[in-house]
Amino acid sequence: MRVIVAGSSGLIGTALVSSLRSDGHDVVRLVRRSPAGPDESRWDPQTDRLDTKILAEADGVVNLCGVGIGGQRWTGAYKQLIRDSRIAATDVLAEAVTEAGVPVFVNASAVGYYGDTGDRVVDEKSPSGTGFLADTCRDWEAAAAFADTATVRTVLLRSGIVLSPHGGILGRLTTLYSLGLGGRLGNGRQYLSWISLEDEVDAIKFVLTHEDVSGPVNLTGPAPVTNAQFSSTLARVLRRPAPWVVPGFALNVLVGEFAHEGLLAGQRAIPTVLEDAGFRFRHNTVGEALGAARVR
């Protein structure tokens, strides 16, 4: 296959490009600087700049663009950047993919689409929730839906928290736990829909090649856990105590609005579409995923 990947420099994109190439696929990375070689193509979604010729022989396009939602405090400007970095890129790629007739368009989204679900189980048929993240994901997916035509199969990746020793939330938590500063957040009852980096990459490759999969797909492990369960499991894997409780009010003071939606709320999302399509997870429990990450 020839796969075009946007957002290839992040945690997931880097692993995906490496895995696709190891499988023998031809990968072209969309970059926002001068290309370093023939396997890169410069683009700028803010100005609609994209060399559409690279799509002529593409078998699929994967869009993983978007700044981190927890990268900094949610000021009005940063919230706008969260939206623009996702929706503007998706607008450009969805239109280009449609015009070029690329067979499959795989676009990132997140389980934040469902809002705070409490202990209610949700799958791909569940409705969107409320809040900034839910609104952003809903608009993000709407932009991708432009490509959802009879000729372009569109897949929306509603990813959970990706667990990897190389970065993301696990890298930051490992440092805290190693210092004896681990513990649950708030009451610990909020659910965390996790997925190992290996399963995230495998699932993206799976939807690229399985023509019966389209629309929203939860990229989450089959057994979501509460924050308290995650904290105790991570402490056990790291062989470190996790005695602390960070009160909700303290999180709100420390990180502002993000605490309410990103840390004290959660989703109990299950991967119904993936499992029904025959996907098999490497890591079925959060303990397996954390153990495989070989966190220390």
Protein backbone atom coordinates (compact mmCIF):
# COMPACT_ATOMS: atom_id res chain seq x y z
CA MET A 1 0.00 0.00 0.00
CA ARG A 2 0.93 3.63 -0.41
CA VAL A 3 -0.20 5.53 2.68
CA ILE A 4 -0.09 9.29 3.25
CA VAL A 5 0.24 10.23 6.93
CA ALA A 6 -0.39 13.67 8.44
CA GLY A 7 0.59 14.24 12.05
CA SER A 8 3.39 11.71 11.69
CA SER A 9 5.77 13.31 14.19
CA GLY A 10 3.65 12.62 17.29
CA LEU A 11 3.67 9.55 19.51
CA ILE A 12 1.14 7.59 17.47
CA GLY A 13 2.24 8.87 14.07
CA THR A 14 5.89 7.98 14.64
CA ALA A 15 5.00 4.45 15.69
CA LEU A 16 2.52 4.03 12.82
CA VAL A 17 4.97 5.14 10.13
CA SER A 18 7.66 2.83 11.50
CA SER A 19 5.26 -0.13 11.63
CA LEU A 20 3.88 0.45 8.12
CA ARG A 21 7.37 0.64 6.69
CA SER A 22 8.42 -2.50 8.55
CA ASP A 23 5.47 -4.24 6.88
CA GLY A 24 6.81 -3.15 3.47
CA HIS A 25 4.36 -0.33 2.76
CA ASP A 26 5.27 2.93 1.04
CA VAL A 27 4.67 5.86 3.39
CA VAL A 28 4.70 9.57 2.57
CA ARG A 29 4.76 11.93 5.55
CA LEU A 30 3.07 15.34 5.29
CA VAL A 31 5.34 17.89 7.01
CA ARG A 32 5.16 21.65 7.65
CA ARG A 33 8.81 22.33 6.84
CA SER A 34 11.07 21.76 3.88
CA PRO A 35 10.99 18.04 3.00
CA ALA A 36 14.06 16.09 4.09
CA GLY A 37 13.65 13.45 1.41
CA PRO A 38 11.37 11.94 -1.25
CA ASP A 39 9.23 10.30 1.44
CA GLU A 40 8.06 13.70 2.71
CA SER A 41 5.78 16.35 1.22
CA ARG A 42 5.29 19.87 2.54
CA TRP A 43 1.81 21.15 3.33
CA ASP A 44 0.13 23.94 5.28
CA PRO A 45 -3.51 23.33 6.24
CA GLN A 46 -3.93 26.95 7.36
CA THR A 47 -3.43 28.13 3.76
CA ASP A 48 -4.90 25.04 2.07
CA ARG A 49 -1.46 24.26 0.69
CA LEU A 50 -1.16 20.60 -0.31
CA ASP A 51 0.50 18.90 -3.26
CA THR A 52 -2.48 16.87 -4.43
CA LYS A 53 -0.30 14.94 -6.88
CA ILE A 54 0.90 12.74 -4.01
CA LEU A 55 -2.67 11.48 -3.61
CA ALA A 56 -2.93 10.22 -7.17
CA GLU A 57 -1.62 6.75 -6.34
CA ALA A 58 -2.42 6.69 -2.63
CA ASP A 59 -4.25 3.69 -1.21
CA GLY A 60 -5.08 5.49 2.01
CA VAL A 61 -4.67 8.71 3.98
CA VAL A 62 -4.30 8.82 7.78
CA ASN A 63 -4.77 12.14 9.56
CA LEU A 64 -3.49 12.31 13.15
CA CYS A 65 -3.06 16.10 13.40
CA GLY A 66 -3.82 18.00 16.61
CA VAL A 67 -1.99 19.68 19.48
CA GLY A 68 -2.15 17.96 22.85
CA ILE A 69 -5.30 18.72 24.83
CA GLY A 70 -3.32 18.76 28.06
CA GLY A 71 -0.35 20.62 26.65
CA GLN A 72 -1.02 23.73 28.70
CA ARG A 73 -3.73 25.61 30.58
CA TRP A 74 -6.97 26.02 28.63
CA THR A 75 -6.97 29.70 27.83
CA GLY A 76 -9.35 30.93 25.18
CA ALA A 77 -6.45 31.04 22.72
CA TYR A 78 -5.30 27.51 23.48
CA LYS A 79 -8.81 26.10 23.20
CA GLN A 80 -9.04 27.71 19.77
CA LEU A 81 -5.70 26.14 18.84
CA ILE A 82 -6.96 22.72 19.95
CA ARG A 83 -9.89 23.11 17.57
CA ASP A 84 -8.05 24.71 14.66
CA SER A 85 -5.16 22.22 14.68
CA ARG A 86 -7.67 19.42 14.21
CA ILE A 87 -10.50 20.81 12.14
CA ALA A 88 -8.51 22.93 9.67
CA ALA A 89 -6.23 20.00 8.79
CA THR A 90 -9.22 17.69 8.43
CA ASP A 91 -11.05 20.16 6.17
CA VAL A 92 -8.10 20.30 3.76
CA LEU A 93 -7.46 16.56 3.68
CA ALA A 94 -11.11 15.53 3.42
CA GLU A 95 -11.63 17.73 0.37
CA ALA A 96 -8.37 16.59 -1.26
CA VAL A 97 -9.08 12.92 -0.60
CA THR A 98 -12.55 13.24 -2.08
CA GLU A 99 -11.31 14.96 -5.23
CA ALA A 100 -8.53 12.40 -5.69
CA GLY A 101 -10.79 9.44 -5.01
CA VAL A 102 -8.48 7.90 -2.39
CA PRO A 103 -10.05 4.58 -1.31
CA VAL A 104 -9.89 5.13 2.45
CA PHE A 105 -9.57 8.16 4.72
CA VAL A 106 -8.73 7.43 8.37
CA ASN A 107 -9.16 10.46 10.61
CA ALA A 108 -8.37 10.86 14.28
CA SER A 109 -11.00 11.64 16.88
CA ALA A 110 -11.27 10.76 20.58
CA VAL A 111 -13.53 9.20 23.19
CA GLY A 112 -14.04 12.73 24.46
CA TYR A 113 -16.85 12.68 21.87
CA TYR A 114 -19.05 10.98 24.48
CA GLY A 115 -18.53 13.59 27.19
CA ASP A 116 -18.50 12.43 30.81
CA THR A 117 -20.30 9.07 30.84
CA GLY A 118 -19.92 8.21 34.51
CA ASP A 119 -20.14 4.42 34.91
CA ARG A 120 -22.36 4.05 31.83
CA VAL A 121 -20.85 1.86 29.10
CA VAL A 122 -20.75 3.51 25.66
CA ASP A 123 -19.92 2.20 22.21
CA GLU A 124 -19.91 3.65 18.72
CA LYS A 125 -23.72 3.85 18.62
CA SER A 126 -23.88 6.06 21.72
CA PRO A 127 -24.69 9.75 21.26
CA SER A 128 -22.29 12.64 21.66
CA GLY A 129 -22.00 14.24 25.07
CA THR A 130 -21.58 17.81 26.19
CA GLY A 131 -18.59 20.02 26.93
CA PHE A 132 -15.70 21.52 25.04
CA LEU A 133 -14.08 18.19 24.13
CA ALA A 134 -17.35 16.64 22.97
CA ASP A 135 -18.14 19.70 20.86
CA THR A 136 -14.64 19.67 19.36
CA CYS A 137 -14.79 15.97 18.51
CA ARG A 138 -18.25 16.35 16.98
CA ASP A 139 -17.09 19.20 14.71
CA TRP A 140 -13.86 17.33 13.95
CA GLU A 141 -15.79 14.28 12.78
CA ALA A 142 -18.18 16.44 10.79
CA ALA A 143 -15.22 17.86 8.87
CA ALA A 144 -14.01 14.34 8.08
CA ALA A 145 -17.48 13.31 6.96
CA PHE A 146 -17.03 15.49 3.85
CA ALA A 147 -14.99 12.59 2.45
CA ASP A 148 -17.58 9.96 3.34
CA THR A 149 -18.83 9.20 -0.15
CA ALA A 150 -19.58 6.15 -2.21
CA THR A 151 -15.94 6.08 -3.35
CA VAL A 152 -14.13 7.07 -0.14
CA ARG A 153 -14.45 4.86 2.92
CA THR A 154 -14.07 7.10 5.98
CA VAL A 155 -13.06 5.83 9.41
CA LEU A 156 -13.18 7.98 12.57
CA LEU A 157 -10.70 6.88 15.23
CA ARG A 158 -12.16 7.60 18.66
CA SER A 159 -8.99 6.92 20.59
CA GLY A 160 -8.69 6.53 24.32
CA ILE A 161 -5.59 7.27 26.41
CA VAL A 162 -2.62 5.72 24.60
CA LEU A 163 -0.17 3.99 26.92
CA SER A 164 3.46 4.06 25.85
CA PRO A 165 6.79 4.26 27.73
CA HIS A 166 8.01 6.73 25.10
CA GLY A 167 5.74 9.65 25.96
CA GLY A 168 2.18 10.74 26.53
CA ILE A 169 0.51 10.56 29.91
CA LEU A 170 2.30 7.39 31.00
CA GLY A 171 5.72 8.97 30.69
CA ARG A 172 4.69 11.82 32.99
CA LEU A 173 2.97 9.54 35.49
CA THR A 174 5.92 7.17 35.68
CA THR A 175 8.12 10.01 36.88
CA LEU A 176 5.64 10.99 39.59
CA TYR A 177 5.12 7.42 40.78
CA SER A 178 8.86 6.77 40.83
CA LEU A 179 9.17 9.72 43.23
CA GLY A 180 6.47 8.29 45.45
CA LEU A 181 3.95 10.93 44.37
CA GLY A 182 1.41 8.64 42.73
CA GLY A 183 -2.25 8.37 43.61
CA ARG A 184 -5.80 8.79 42.42
CA LEU A 185 -7.36 11.99 41.14
CA GLY A 186 -10.47 13.28 42.82
CA ASN A 187 -12.77 10.47 43.98
CA GLY A 188 -11.11 8.06 41.53
CA ARG A 189 -14.45 6.83 40.18
CA GLN A 190 -14.08 8.46 36.75
CA TYR A 191 -13.43 5.92 34.00
CA LEU A 192 -10.33 5.81 31.86
CA SER A 193 -10.55 4.24 28.40
CA TRP A 194 -6.98 3.19 27.67
CA ILE A 195 -5.20 1.40 24.82
CA SER A 196 -1.61 0.29 24.42
CA LEU A 197 0.43 1.99 21.71
CA GLU A 198 0.93 -1.37 19.99
CA ASP A 199 -2.81 -2.00 19.81
CA GLU A 200 -3.44 1.58 18.67
CA VAL A 201 -1.08 1.11 15.73
CA ASP A 202 -2.38 -2.38 14.94
CA ALA A 203 -5.95 -1.08 14.97
CA ILE A 204 -5.14 1.75 12.56
CA LYS A 205 -3.52 -0.72 10.17
CA PHE A 206 -6.53 -3.01 10.61
CA VAL A 207 -9.08 -0.36 9.59
CA LEU A 208 -6.90 0.68 6.65
CA THR A 209 -7.19 -2.79 5.12
CA HIS A 210 -10.64 -4.00 6.24
CA GLU A 211 -13.17 -2.65 3.78
CA ASP A 212 -16.11 -3.62 5.99
CA VAL A 213 -15.09 -1.08 8.66
CA SER A 214 -16.25 2.52 8.33
CA GLY A 215 -17.59 5.35 10.46
CA PRO A 216 -16.70 5.75 14.14
CA VAL A 217 -14.42 3.15 15.70
CA ASN A 218 -13.47 3.17 19.39
CA LEU A 219 -9.73 2.61 19.70
CA THR A 220 -9.83 1.53 23.32
CA GLY A 221 -8.88 -1.60 25.21
CA PRO A 222 -11.75 -4.01 25.92
CA ALA A 223 -11.76 -3.34 29.69
CA PRO A 224 -11.81 0.33 30.73
CA VAL A 225 -10.94 1.00 34.37
CA THR A 226 -11.59 3.68 36.93
CA ASN A 227 -8.90 6.18 37.80
CA ALA A 228 -8.48 4.47 41.17
CA GLN A 229 -8.01 1.07 39.50
CA PHE A 230 -5.53 2.50 37.02
CA SER A 231 -3.55 4.18 39.80
CA SER A 232 -3.30 1.01 41.88
CA THR A 233 -2.33 -1.09 38.85
CA LEU A 234 0.38 1.35 37.80
CA ALA A 235 1.72 1.41 41.37
CA ARG A 236 1.85 -2.39 41.38
CA VAL A 237 3.66 -2.56 38.04
CA LEU A 238 6.15 0.09 39.16
CA ARG A 239 6.45 -1.45 42.63
CA ARG A 240 5.94 1.94 44.15
CA PRO A 241 3.37 3.18 46.66
CA ALA A 242 0.53 5.40 45.49
CA PRO A 243 -0.84 6.83 48.72
CA TRP A 244 -1.84 10.27 47.57
CA VAL A 245 -5.23 11.69 46.67
CA VAL A 246 -5.33 14.91 44.66
CA PRO A 247 -8.64 16.63 45.49
CA GLY A 248 -10.71 17.90 42.61
CA PHE A 249 -10.59 21.47 43.82
CA ALA A 250 -6.78 21.36 43.86
CA LEU A 251 -6.71 20.11 40.26
CA ASN A 252 -9.02 22.91 39.23
CA VAL A 253 -6.68 25.43 40.83
CA LEU A 254 -3.57 23.85 39.28
CA VAL A 255 -4.70 23.28 35.69
CA GLY A 256 -8.01 25.10 35.35
CA GLU A 257 -10.81 24.00 33.03
CA PHE A 258 -8.88 21.02 31.65
CA ALA A 259 -9.12 19.36 35.06
CA HIS A 260 -12.92 19.21 34.87
CA GLU A 261 -13.10 17.53 31.45
CA GLY A 262 -9.70 15.89 31.09
CA LEU A 263 -8.93 14.57 34.58
CA LEU A 264 -12.07 14.42 36.71
CA ALA A 265 -14.42 13.22 33.96
CA GLY A 266 -14.09 10.08 31.88
CA GLN A 267 -15.58 7.63 29.42
CA ARG A 268 -16.32 3.94 29.83
CA ALA A 269 -15.98 3.23 26.12
CA ILE A 270 -15.72 -0.26 24.65
CA PRO A 271 -14.42 -1.24 21.15
CA THR A 272 -17.53 -2.93 19.77
CA VAL A 273 -16.81 -2.23 16.08
CA LEU A 274 -13.22 -3.48 16.24
CA GLU A 275 -14.12 -6.68 18.06
CA ASP A 276 -17.10 -7.40 15.80
CA ALA A 277 -14.80 -6.97 12.77
CA GLY A 278 -12.40 -9.60 14.14
CA PHE A 279 -9.65 -7.45 15.61
CA ARG A 280 -7.66 -9.16 18.36
CA PHE A 281 -5.97 -7.11 21.04
CA ARG A 282 -2.46 -7.85 22.22
CA HIS A 283 -3.34 -6.38 25.62
CA ASN A 284 -6.79 -7.06 27.03
CA THR A 285 -6.29 -5.57 30.49
CA VAL A 286 -4.62 -2.39 31.70
CA GLY A 287 -2.21 -4.54 33.69
CA GLU A 288 -1.09 -6.29 30.50
CA ALA A 289 -0.69 -2.97 28.72
CA LEU A 290 1.33 -1.39 31.53
CA GLY A 291 3.45 -4.51 31.90
CA ALA A 292 4.15 -4.58 28.17
CA ALA A 293 5.22 -0.94 28.30
CA ARG A 294 7.95 -2.09 30.70
CA VAL A 295 7.58 0.99 32.84
CA ARG A 296 10.13 1.24 35.65
